[in-house]
N, C-alpha and C. Protein backbone atom coordinates (compact mmCIF):
# COMPACT_ATOMS: atom_id res chain seq x y z
N MET A 1 13.14 34.14 -35.14
CA MET A 1 12.54 34.00 -33.54
C MET A 1 11.84 33.13 -33.34
N ARG A 2 10.89 32.66 -33.53
CA ARG A 2 9.80 31.40 -33.25
C ARG A 2 10.18 30.06 -33.36
N ALA A 3 11.54 29.89 -34.45
CA ALA A 3 12.46 29.03 -34.35
C ALA A 3 13.27 28.56 -33.07
N ILE A 4 13.60 29.53 -32.82
CA ILE A 4 14.29 29.57 -31.21
C ILE A 4 13.42 29.41 -30.15
N ALA A 5 12.47 29.93 -30.25
CA ALA A 5 11.94 29.29 -28.97
C ALA A 5 11.56 28.33 -29.18
N LEU A 6 10.74 27.41 -30.20
CA LEU A 6 10.09 25.88 -30.35
C LEU A 6 11.15 25.25 -29.85
N ALA A 7 12.66 25.60 -30.44
CA ALA A 7 13.34 24.75 -30.52
C ALA A 7 13.99 24.62 -28.75
N LEU A 8 13.63 25.42 -28.19
CA LEU A 8 13.74 25.92 -26.66
C LEU A 8 12.91 24.80 -25.82
N VAL A 9 11.68 25.22 -26.27
CA VAL A 9 10.41 24.39 -25.92
C VAL A 9 10.53 22.88 -26.04
N ALA A 10 10.83 22.14 -27.12
CA ALA A 10 11.25 21.19 -27.41
C ALA A 10 12.35 20.33 -26.42
N SER A 11 13.55 21.40 -26.17
CA SER A 11 14.85 21.05 -25.73
C SER A 11 14.19 20.74 -23.98
N LEU A 12 13.32 21.40 -23.50
CA LEU A 12 13.03 21.51 -22.49
C LEU A 12 11.77 20.05 -22.21
N ALA A 13 11.25 19.90 -23.06
CA ALA A 13 10.13 18.80 -23.27
C ALA A 13 11.17 17.45 -23.41
N ALA A 14 12.31 17.58 -23.70
CA ALA A 14 13.00 16.10 -23.99
C ALA A 14 13.43 16.28 -22.71
N GLY A 15 14.49 17.38 -22.12
CA GLY A 15 15.11 17.50 -20.91
C GLY A 15 14.00 16.52 -19.73
N ALA A 16 12.62 16.97 -19.60
CA ALA A 16 11.92 16.16 -18.63
C ALA A 16 11.80 14.92 -18.98
N ALA A 17 11.66 14.69 -20.36
CA ALA A 17 11.46 13.37 -20.69
C ALA A 17 12.71 12.28 -19.91
N VAL A 18 13.93 13.02 -20.21
CA VAL A 18 14.61 12.07 -19.74
C VAL A 18 15.28 12.30 -17.99
N ALA A 19 14.45 13.06 -17.63
CA ALA A 19 14.31 13.09 -15.90
C ALA A 19 13.82 12.18 -15.52
N GLU A 20 12.53 11.98 -16.43
CA GLU A 20 11.39 10.97 -15.49
C GLU A 20 12.34 9.48 -15.72
N SER A 21 12.92 9.50 -16.74
CA SER A 21 13.36 7.76 -17.33
C SER A 21 14.48 7.64 -16.30
N LEU A 22 15.16 8.43 -15.73
CA LEU A 22 16.32 8.43 -15.07
C LEU A 22 15.79 8.18 -13.67
N GLY A 23 14.32 8.71 -13.28
CA GLY A 23 14.02 8.89 -12.31
C GLY A 23 13.39 7.04 -11.73
N GLU A 24 12.72 6.69 -13.27
CA GLU A 24 12.30 5.09 -13.35
C GLU A 24 13.43 4.35 -13.31
N TYR A 25 14.46 4.60 -14.08
CA TYR A 25 15.58 3.65 -13.79
C TYR A 25 16.01 3.58 -12.22
N ALA A 26 16.00 4.53 -11.68
CA ALA A 26 16.72 4.82 -10.39
C ALA A 26 15.93 4.06 -9.09
N ALA A 27 14.37 3.86 -9.65
CA ALA A 27 13.59 2.83 -8.71
C ALA A 27 14.03 1.84 -8.96
N ARG A 28 13.79 1.38 -10.61
CA ARG A 28 13.91 -0.16 -10.86
C ARG A 28 15.78 -0.30 -10.19
N GLU A 29 16.62 0.02 -10.27
CA GLU A 29 17.99 0.09 -9.68
C GLU A 29 17.97 -0.05 -8.33
N LYS A 30 17.05 0.44 -7.63
CA LYS A 30 16.86 -0.23 -6.24
C LYS A 30 16.23 -1.11 -5.72
N GLN A 31 14.74 -1.14 -6.90
CA GLN A 31 14.32 -2.64 -6.38
C GLN A 31 15.52 -3.77 -6.43
N ARG A 32 16.35 -3.94 -7.81
CA ARG A 32 16.96 -4.80 -7.67
C ARG A 32 18.17 -5.05 -7.24
N LYS A 33 18.39 -3.99 -6.10
CA LYS A 33 19.20 -4.20 -5.46
C LYS A 33 18.82 -4.89 -3.48
N GLU A 34 17.61 -4.26 -3.89
CA GLU A 34 17.33 -4.85 -2.63
C GLU A 34 16.69 -6.36 -2.59
N ARG A 35 16.43 -6.94 -3.99
CA ARG A 35 16.34 -8.43 -4.28
C ARG A 35 17.63 -8.89 -4.38
N GLU A 36 18.73 -8.48 -4.56
CA GLU A 36 20.10 -9.21 -4.56
C GLU A 36 20.28 -9.47 -3.06
N ARG A 37 20.10 -8.25 -2.29
CA ARG A 37 20.61 -8.26 -0.87
C ARG A 37 19.74 -9.66 -0.21
N ASP A 38 18.12 -9.43 -0.49
CA ASP A 38 17.34 -10.46 0.11
C ASP A 38 17.67 -11.72 -0.30
N ALA A 39 18.55 -11.95 -1.48
CA ALA A 39 18.94 -13.16 -2.14
C ALA A 39 19.99 -13.70 -1.80
N ALA A 40 21.05 -12.69 -1.05
CA ALA A 40 22.20 -13.14 -0.21
C ALA A 40 22.06 -13.17 1.35
N ARG A 41 21.16 -12.74 1.87
CA ARG A 41 20.78 -13.48 3.34
C ARG A 41 20.51 -14.71 3.31
N PRO A 42 20.80 -15.68 4.34
CA PRO A 42 20.65 -17.03 4.49
C PRO A 42 19.49 -16.91 5.21
N PRO A 43 18.63 -18.31 4.75
CA PRO A 43 16.90 -18.62 5.14
C PRO A 43 17.34 -18.68 6.44
N ARG A 44 16.53 -18.23 7.53
CA ARG A 44 16.07 -18.63 8.81
C ARG A 44 15.82 -20.19 8.98
N VAL A 45 17.10 -20.68 9.85
CA VAL A 45 16.75 -22.24 10.05
C VAL A 45 15.91 -22.29 11.35
N PHE A 46 14.56 -23.13 11.79
CA PHE A 46 14.28 -23.12 12.95
C PHE A 46 14.61 -24.58 13.66
N THR A 47 14.80 -24.81 14.78
CA THR A 47 15.38 -26.10 15.50
C THR A 47 14.60 -26.25 16.45
N ASP A 48 14.54 -27.60 16.94
CA ASP A 48 13.71 -27.69 18.07
C ASP A 48 13.93 -27.33 19.55
N ASP A 49 14.71 -26.27 19.66
CA ASP A 49 15.08 -25.62 20.42
C ASP A 49 14.56 -24.34 20.55
N ASP A 50 14.15 -23.76 19.63
CA ASP A 50 13.36 -22.39 18.94
C ASP A 50 11.94 -22.91 19.70
N LEU A 51 11.65 -24.09 18.93
CA LEU A 51 10.23 -24.50 19.34
C LEU A 51 9.74 -24.77 20.48
N LYS A 52 10.49 -24.90 21.38
CA LYS A 52 10.64 -25.41 22.56
C LYS A 52 10.78 -24.22 23.35
N LYS A 53 10.71 -23.15 23.62
CA LYS A 53 11.09 -21.99 24.22
C LYS A 53 10.26 -21.28 23.79
N ASP A 54 9.70 -20.67 23.03
CA ASP A 54 8.43 -20.09 22.58
C ASP A 54 7.31 -20.96 23.03
N LYS A 55 6.91 -22.51 23.28
CA LYS A 55 5.68 -23.19 23.25
C LYS A 55 4.67 -22.54 24.71
N PRO A 56 3.86 -22.47 24.73
CA PRO A 56 3.28 -22.06 26.09
C PRO A 56 3.19 -23.14 26.87
N PRO A 57 3.09 -22.88 27.83
CA PRO A 57 3.26 -24.06 29.10
C PRO A 57 1.72 -25.20 29.06
N ALA A 58 1.81 -26.19 29.85
CA ALA A 58 0.31 -26.79 29.21
C ALA A 58 -0.92 -26.29 30.62
N THR A 59 -1.80 -26.01 29.48
CA THR A 59 -2.92 -25.42 30.30
C THR A 59 -3.88 -26.62 30.43
N GLU A 60 -4.99 -26.17 31.39
CA GLU A 60 -5.82 -27.25 32.27
C GLU A 60 -6.80 -27.81 31.02
N GLY A 61 -6.76 -29.18 30.98
CA GLY A 61 -7.33 -30.24 29.80
C GLY A 61 -6.11 -30.33 28.21
N GLY A 62 -5.35 -30.08 28.97
CA GLY A 62 -4.21 -30.47 27.68
C GLY A 62 -3.71 -31.23 28.76
N ASN A 63 -2.55 -32.19 28.00
CA ASN A 63 -1.60 -32.62 28.08
C ASN A 63 -0.04 -32.26 28.68
N ALA A 64 0.71 -32.83 28.94
CA ALA A 64 1.85 -32.47 29.58
C ALA A 64 2.91 -31.64 28.39
N ALA A 65 2.49 -31.95 26.76
CA ALA A 65 3.21 -31.85 25.80
C ALA A 65 2.14 -29.88 25.25
N GLY A 66 1.18 -29.78 26.20
CA GLY A 66 0.40 -28.96 26.07
C GLY A 66 -0.52 -28.93 24.52
N ALA A 67 -1.12 -29.81 24.29
CA ALA A 67 -1.90 -30.57 23.36
C ALA A 67 -3.16 -30.90 23.80
N PRO A 68 -4.10 -30.33 23.46
CA PRO A 68 -5.43 -30.70 23.95
C PRO A 68 -5.89 -32.39 23.90
N GLU A 69 -6.25 -32.43 25.05
CA GLU A 69 -6.40 -34.09 24.89
C GLU A 69 -7.96 -34.77 24.52
N ALA A 70 -7.73 -35.93 23.84
CA ALA A 70 -8.91 -36.05 22.95
C ALA A 70 -9.65 -36.61 23.71
N THR A 71 -11.41 -36.24 23.04
CA THR A 71 -12.03 -36.69 23.85
C THR A 71 -12.49 -38.03 23.30
N SER A 72 -13.61 -39.08 24.25
CA SER A 72 -13.84 -39.93 23.96
C SER A 72 -13.58 -40.42 22.27
N SER A 73 -14.72 -39.23 21.55
CA SER A 73 -15.42 -39.47 20.05
C SER A 73 -14.20 -39.06 19.58
N GLY A 74 -12.99 -39.03 19.68
CA GLY A 74 -11.27 -38.35 18.87
C GLY A 74 -11.29 -37.46 18.74
N GLU A 75 -12.25 -36.13 19.38
CA GLU A 75 -11.98 -34.85 18.98
C GLU A 75 -10.90 -34.08 20.20
N THR A 76 -10.34 -33.21 19.86
CA THR A 76 -9.77 -32.34 20.91
C THR A 76 -10.24 -31.60 21.64
N GLY A 77 -10.23 -31.14 22.19
CA GLY A 77 -10.86 -30.13 23.26
C GLY A 77 -10.82 -28.89 22.98
N THR A 78 -11.82 -27.95 22.67
CA THR A 78 -11.30 -26.73 21.86
C THR A 78 -11.30 -25.39 23.09
N SER A 79 -11.90 -25.14 24.28
CA SER A 79 -12.19 -24.34 25.49
C SER A 79 -10.58 -24.45 25.84
N SER A 80 -10.23 -22.84 25.73
CA SER A 80 -9.41 -22.54 26.24
C SER A 80 -9.42 -21.58 27.35
N VAL A 81 -8.51 -21.41 28.05
CA VAL A 81 -8.00 -20.16 28.67
C VAL A 81 -8.71 -18.68 28.52
N GLY A 82 -8.69 -18.61 27.67
CA GLY A 82 -9.23 -17.39 26.81
C GLY A 82 -10.54 -17.18 26.98
N ASP A 83 -11.09 -18.47 26.43
CA ASP A 83 -12.46 -18.43 26.58
C ASP A 83 -13.30 -18.63 27.49
N ARG A 84 -12.64 -18.87 28.65
CA ARG A 84 -13.39 -19.13 29.09
C ARG A 84 -13.41 -18.02 30.87
N ALA A 85 -12.16 -17.11 30.36
CA ALA A 85 -11.77 -15.66 31.01
C ALA A 85 -13.26 -15.12 29.95
N ASP A 86 -13.41 -15.14 28.59
CA ASP A 86 -14.34 -14.07 28.17
C ASP A 86 -15.83 -14.48 28.53
N GLU A 87 -16.12 -15.59 29.23
CA GLU A 87 -17.53 -16.13 29.73
C GLU A 87 -18.03 -15.51 31.13
N ALA A 88 -16.94 -15.03 31.58
CA ALA A 88 -16.95 -14.69 32.95
C ALA A 88 -17.24 -12.88 33.06
N ASN A 89 -16.60 -12.40 31.68
CA ASN A 89 -16.60 -11.34 31.47
C ASN A 89 -17.97 -10.71 31.38
N PRO A 90 -18.56 -9.48 32.14
CA PRO A 90 -19.85 -9.35 32.05
C PRO A 90 -19.74 -8.42 30.89
N GLN A 91 -18.89 -7.79 30.11
CA GLN A 91 -19.14 -7.17 29.21
C GLN A 91 -19.25 -7.53 27.61
N LYS A 92 -19.01 -8.96 28.21
CA LYS A 92 -19.07 -9.33 26.37
C LYS A 92 -20.68 -9.82 26.43
N GLY A 93 -21.79 -10.20 26.89
CA GLY A 93 -22.97 -9.98 26.97
C GLY A 93 -23.55 -8.75 26.13
N GLU A 94 -23.25 -7.46 27.24
CA GLU A 94 -23.47 -6.23 26.90
C GLU A 94 -23.03 -5.79 25.24
N TRP A 95 -21.94 -6.49 24.94
CA TRP A 95 -21.33 -6.36 23.33
C TRP A 95 -22.19 -7.10 22.53
N GLN A 96 -22.35 -8.16 22.99
CA GLN A 96 -23.77 -9.33 21.81
C GLN A 96 -24.74 -9.02 21.68
N GLN A 97 -25.23 -7.75 23.09
CA GLN A 97 -26.54 -7.47 22.91
C GLN A 97 -26.65 -6.40 22.23
N ARG A 98 -25.81 -5.67 21.92
CA ARG A 98 -25.74 -4.38 21.11
C ARG A 98 -25.61 -4.51 19.86
N ALA A 99 -24.68 -5.35 19.68
CA ALA A 99 -24.66 -6.25 18.11
C ALA A 99 -26.09 -6.79 17.55
N LYS A 100 -26.41 -7.44 18.60
CA LYS A 100 -27.59 -8.04 17.39
C LYS A 100 -28.58 -7.17 17.60
N ALA A 101 -28.66 -5.92 18.58
CA ALA A 101 -30.19 -5.00 18.41
C ALA A 101 -29.32 -4.17 16.93
N THR A 102 -28.58 -3.64 17.26
CA THR A 102 -28.21 -2.87 15.99
C THR A 102 -28.11 -3.88 14.53
N ALA A 103 -28.43 -4.88 14.36
CA ALA A 103 -28.00 -5.65 13.43
C ALA A 103 -29.53 -6.06 12.98
N GLN A 104 -30.55 -6.17 14.06
CA GLN A 104 -31.83 -6.44 13.55
C GLN A 104 -32.73 -5.34 13.39
N GLU A 105 -31.93 -4.12 14.01
CA GLU A 105 -32.58 -2.43 13.84
C GLU A 105 -32.50 -2.73 12.17
N LEU A 106 -31.13 -2.62 12.00
CA LEU A 106 -30.59 -2.61 10.38
C LEU A 106 -31.97 -3.24 9.60
N ALA A 107 -32.10 -4.95 9.54
CA ALA A 107 -32.71 -5.71 8.29
C ALA A 107 -34.10 -5.62 8.83
N GLU A 108 -34.38 -4.96 9.49
CA GLU A 108 -36.09 -4.33 9.77
C GLU A 108 -36.15 -3.12 8.98
N ALA A 109 -34.78 -2.20 9.20
CA ALA A 109 -35.44 -0.82 8.25
C ALA A 109 -35.21 -1.20 6.97
N LYS A 110 -34.32 -2.34 6.42
CA LYS A 110 -34.29 -2.38 5.01
C LYS A 110 -35.47 -3.56 4.72
N ALA A 111 -35.94 -4.35 5.82
CA ALA A 111 -37.20 -5.00 5.48
C ALA A 111 -38.68 -4.16 4.78
N ALA A 112 -38.47 -2.80 6.03
CA ALA A 112 -39.80 -2.34 5.92
C ALA A 112 -39.55 -1.32 4.39
N LEU A 113 -38.08 -0.58 4.30
CA LEU A 113 -38.01 -0.51 3.00
C LEU A 113 -38.45 -1.14 1.64
N ALA A 114 -37.97 -2.36 1.41
CA ALA A 114 -38.57 -3.31 0.49
C ALA A 114 -40.41 -2.94 0.24
N LYS A 115 -40.50 -3.54 1.38
CA LYS A 115 -42.46 -3.50 1.56
C LYS A 115 -42.87 -1.87 1.02
N VAL A 116 -42.07 -0.95 1.57
CA VAL A 116 -43.13 -0.05 1.00
C VAL A 116 -42.95 0.67 -0.54
N GLN A 117 -41.55 0.29 -0.88
CA GLN A 117 -40.82 0.44 -1.97
C GLN A 117 -41.79 -0.43 -3.38
N ALA A 118 -41.92 -1.96 -2.78
CA ALA A 118 -42.78 -2.60 -3.67
C ALA A 118 -44.28 -2.09 -4.00
N ARG A 119 -45.13 -1.49 -2.78
CA ARG A 119 -46.07 -1.02 -2.86
C ARG A 119 -46.34 0.50 -3.48
N LEU A 120 -45.24 1.24 -3.24
CA LEU A 120 -45.30 2.66 -3.86
C LEU A 120 -45.45 2.45 -5.64
N ASP A 121 -44.25 0.92 -6.03
CA ASP A 121 -44.21 0.16 -7.44
C ASP A 121 -45.28 0.05 -8.11
N GLN A 122 -46.37 -0.79 -7.09
CA GLN A 122 -47.55 -1.13 -7.84
C GLN A 122 -48.48 0.36 -7.79
N LEU A 123 -48.51 1.19 -7.16
CA LEU A 123 -49.45 2.26 -7.13
C LEU A 123 -48.98 2.69 -8.29
N LYS A 124 -47.61 3.02 -8.72
CA LYS A 124 -47.39 3.49 -9.82
C LYS A 124 -46.96 2.77 -11.00
N SER A 125 -47.42 1.52 -10.98
CA SER A 125 -47.27 0.66 -12.09
C SER A 125 -48.08 1.61 -13.44
N PRO A 126 -47.47 1.16 -15.03
CA PRO A 126 -48.22 2.10 -15.89
C PRO A 126 -49.61 0.76 -16.21
N PHE A 127 -49.19 -0.28 -15.88
CA PHE A 127 -50.33 -1.44 -16.52
C PHE A 127 -51.91 -1.22 -15.02
N ARG A 128 -51.48 -0.45 -14.45
CA ARG A 128 -52.65 -0.23 -13.34
C ARG A 128 -53.94 0.24 -14.52
N ALA A 129 -55.26 -0.36 -14.48
CA ALA A 129 -56.42 -0.03 -15.28
C ALA A 129 -56.72 1.23 -14.70
N THR A 130 -56.64 1.57 -13.06
CA THR A 130 -57.30 2.57 -13.09
C THR A 130 -56.24 3.69 -11.90
N ASN A 131 -55.66 4.96 -12.75
CA ASN A 131 -54.94 5.33 -12.42
C ASN A 131 -52.97 5.00 -13.08
N PRO A 132 -53.10 4.80 -14.02
CA PRO A 132 -51.99 4.35 -14.61
C PRO A 132 -50.87 5.28 -14.21
N TYR A 133 -49.39 4.76 -13.83
CA TYR A 133 -48.07 5.37 -12.92
C TYR A 133 -48.73 6.33 -11.99
N GLY A 134 -49.86 5.97 -11.31
CA GLY A 134 -50.46 6.70 -10.07
C GLY A 134 -50.86 8.53 -10.04
N HIS A 135 -51.00 8.66 -11.43
CA HIS A 135 -51.53 10.18 -11.54
C HIS A 135 -53.11 10.20 -10.83
N GLY A 136 -53.46 11.04 -10.31
CA GLY A 136 -54.06 11.05 -9.79
C GLY A 136 -54.88 10.23 -8.34
N ASN A 137 -54.06 9.27 -8.07
CA ASN A 137 -54.09 8.39 -7.14
C ASN A 137 -53.56 9.16 -5.51
N PRO A 138 -54.74 9.16 -4.96
CA PRO A 138 -54.40 9.90 -3.38
C PRO A 138 -53.15 8.87 -2.45
N GLU A 139 -53.56 7.56 -2.98
CA GLU A 139 -52.25 6.40 -2.29
C GLU A 139 -51.26 7.04 -2.32
N VAL A 140 -50.96 7.61 -3.30
CA VAL A 140 -49.19 7.65 -4.00
C VAL A 140 -48.16 8.80 -3.11
N PRO A 141 -48.81 9.82 -2.78
CA PRO A 141 -48.36 10.61 -2.11
C PRO A 141 -48.02 10.11 -0.64
N VAL A 142 -48.90 9.43 0.02
CA VAL A 142 -49.24 8.93 1.14
C VAL A 142 -47.81 7.94 1.56
N ALA A 143 -48.10 7.01 0.41
CA ALA A 143 -46.38 5.67 0.25
C ALA A 143 -45.57 7.07 0.04
N GLU A 144 -45.32 7.94 -0.66
CA GLU A 144 -44.07 8.12 -0.72
C GLU A 144 -43.49 9.19 0.18
N GLN A 145 -44.44 9.56 1.35
CA GLN A 145 -44.36 10.04 2.32
C GLN A 145 -43.66 8.69 3.52
N GLU A 146 -44.38 7.88 3.10
CA GLU A 146 -44.15 6.76 4.16
C GLU A 146 -42.47 5.99 3.66
N LEU A 147 -42.11 6.16 2.06
CA LEU A 147 -41.00 5.64 2.07
C LEU A 147 -39.91 6.59 2.66
N ALA A 148 -40.15 7.93 2.34
CA ALA A 148 -39.03 9.02 2.45
C ALA A 148 -38.57 8.46 4.19
N GLN A 149 -39.84 8.13 5.00
CA GLN A 149 -39.69 8.50 6.20
C GLN A 149 -38.90 6.82 6.86
N VAL A 150 -39.57 6.00 5.91
CA VAL A 150 -38.34 4.32 6.06
C VAL A 150 -36.62 4.67 5.57
N GLN A 151 -36.94 5.53 4.53
CA GLN A 151 -35.71 5.96 4.44
C GLN A 151 -34.84 6.42 5.39
N GLN A 152 -35.45 7.58 6.02
CA GLN A 152 -34.66 8.27 7.48
C GLN A 152 -34.17 7.25 8.53
N ARG A 153 -35.54 6.09 8.28
CA ARG A 153 -35.12 5.15 9.58
C ARG A 153 -34.19 4.60 9.13
N LEU A 154 -34.04 3.92 8.00
CA LEU A 154 -32.66 3.35 7.45
C LEU A 154 -31.15 3.50 7.11
N ALA A 155 -31.25 4.90 7.20
CA ALA A 155 -30.42 5.83 7.22
C ALA A 155 -29.69 6.01 8.77
N GLU A 156 -30.91 6.19 9.43
CA GLU A 156 -30.30 6.04 11.13
C GLU A 156 -29.89 4.91 11.47
N ALA A 157 -30.29 3.88 10.75
CA ALA A 157 -29.95 2.40 11.31
C ALA A 157 -28.61 2.22 10.74
N GLU A 158 -27.86 2.72 9.88
CA GLU A 158 -27.28 2.36 9.10
C GLU A 158 -25.79 2.98 9.89
N LYS A 159 -26.30 4.32 10.11
CA LYS A 159 -25.35 4.95 10.72
C LYS A 159 -24.82 4.65 12.58
N ALA A 160 -26.08 3.89 13.19
CA ALA A 160 -26.02 3.13 14.16
C ALA A 160 -24.93 2.17 14.51
N ARG A 161 -24.93 1.42 13.11
CA ARG A 161 -24.32 0.52 12.89
C ARG A 161 -22.67 0.80 12.40
N ALA A 162 -22.43 1.87 11.78
CA ALA A 162 -21.23 2.47 11.77
C ALA A 162 -20.60 2.52 12.67
N ASP A 163 -21.26 3.45 13.85
CA ASP A 163 -21.09 4.13 15.06
C ASP A 163 -20.03 2.83 15.65
N PHE A 164 -21.17 2.30 16.05
CA PHE A 164 -21.28 0.32 16.62
C PHE A 164 -19.89 -0.24 16.14
N ASP A 165 -19.37 -0.11 15.02
CA ASP A 165 -18.22 -0.83 14.60
C ASP A 165 -17.46 0.00 14.52
N ARG A 166 -17.41 1.31 14.81
CA ARG A 166 -16.31 1.99 14.62
C ARG A 166 -15.71 2.24 16.47
N GLU A 167 -17.22 1.97 17.33
CA GLU A 167 -16.29 1.76 18.56
C GLU A 167 -16.22 0.45 18.99
N VAL A 168 -16.36 -0.52 18.15
CA VAL A 168 -15.87 -2.14 18.47
C VAL A 168 -14.13 -1.72 18.28
N ALA A 169 -14.15 -1.47 16.85
CA ALA A 169 -12.84 -1.33 16.80
C ALA A 169 -11.93 -0.15 17.55
N GLU A 170 -12.17 0.59 17.87
CA GLU A 170 -11.86 1.56 18.69
C GLU A 170 -11.33 0.69 20.41
N SER A 171 -12.43 0.33 20.85
CA SER A 171 -12.40 -0.53 22.46
C SER A 171 -11.48 -1.66 21.87
N ARG A 172 -11.13 -1.88 21.11
CA ARG A 172 -9.90 -3.75 20.28
C ARG A 172 -10.68 -4.78 21.55
N ILE A 173 -12.24 -4.98 21.31
CA ILE A 173 -12.32 -6.13 22.03
C ILE A 173 -12.18 -7.26 21.10
N PRO A 174 -12.30 -8.81 21.74
CA PRO A 174 -12.60 -9.86 20.86
C PRO A 174 -13.35 -9.82 19.83
N SER A 175 -13.26 -10.13 18.69
CA SER A 175 -14.37 -10.16 17.73
C SER A 175 -15.18 -11.36 17.94
N ARG A 176 -14.44 -12.80 18.64
CA ARG A 176 -15.31 -13.49 19.19
C ARG A 176 -16.16 -13.16 20.14
N TRP A 177 -16.47 -12.18 20.67
CA TRP A 177 -17.23 -11.89 21.33
C TRP A 177 -18.60 -11.54 20.90
N LEU A 178 -18.85 -11.24 19.74
CA LEU A 178 -19.46 -10.42 18.45
C LEU A 178 -20.48 -11.13 18.12
N GLN A 179 -19.98 -12.62 18.24
CA GLN A 179 -20.48 -13.87 17.70
C GLN A 179 -21.36 -14.59 18.51
N GLU A 180 -23.02 -14.77 18.54
CA GLU A 180 -23.37 -15.72 18.76
C GLU A 180 -23.37 -16.82 19.43
N PRO A 181 -23.59 -17.14 20.61
CA PRO A 181 -23.23 -18.65 20.87
C PRO A 181 -23.70 -19.80 20.76
């Protein structure tokens, strides 16, 4: 009876292995057919007509072909209509200020954390002549409490920055708005 049960279990395991390999075979075959289908398509050929119909009209400061005019130094003009429109948008300055404020708060919190952590490490140093490892030093609990406060401040700053980044992504503002001029 055990022999029959063992044979049944072995045949089920072999059947599962065959089914798995059939699935793998089907996936490989599908990929092969897709590659053949892609290879059979002729590549797209772009002509001058295609380029002309998609060319944007000439902008202010550009020549008739739509390219920016060269300056006396040989450089091309880089200002575009979009950049000029950004300058006129009052929200750009607000977004820049908020980005700068969140970045500054985050940097200050990180610097404060490093400063307090260094002070605490110094107080708890095993090489101190008085109070090695900070045992019995009344400054250690004060520094640890200050460290906890600074860690909380850092967590709040990181959350504020993450919230700001999420708001930027949701509002879909141009990324160039967040760059400092």
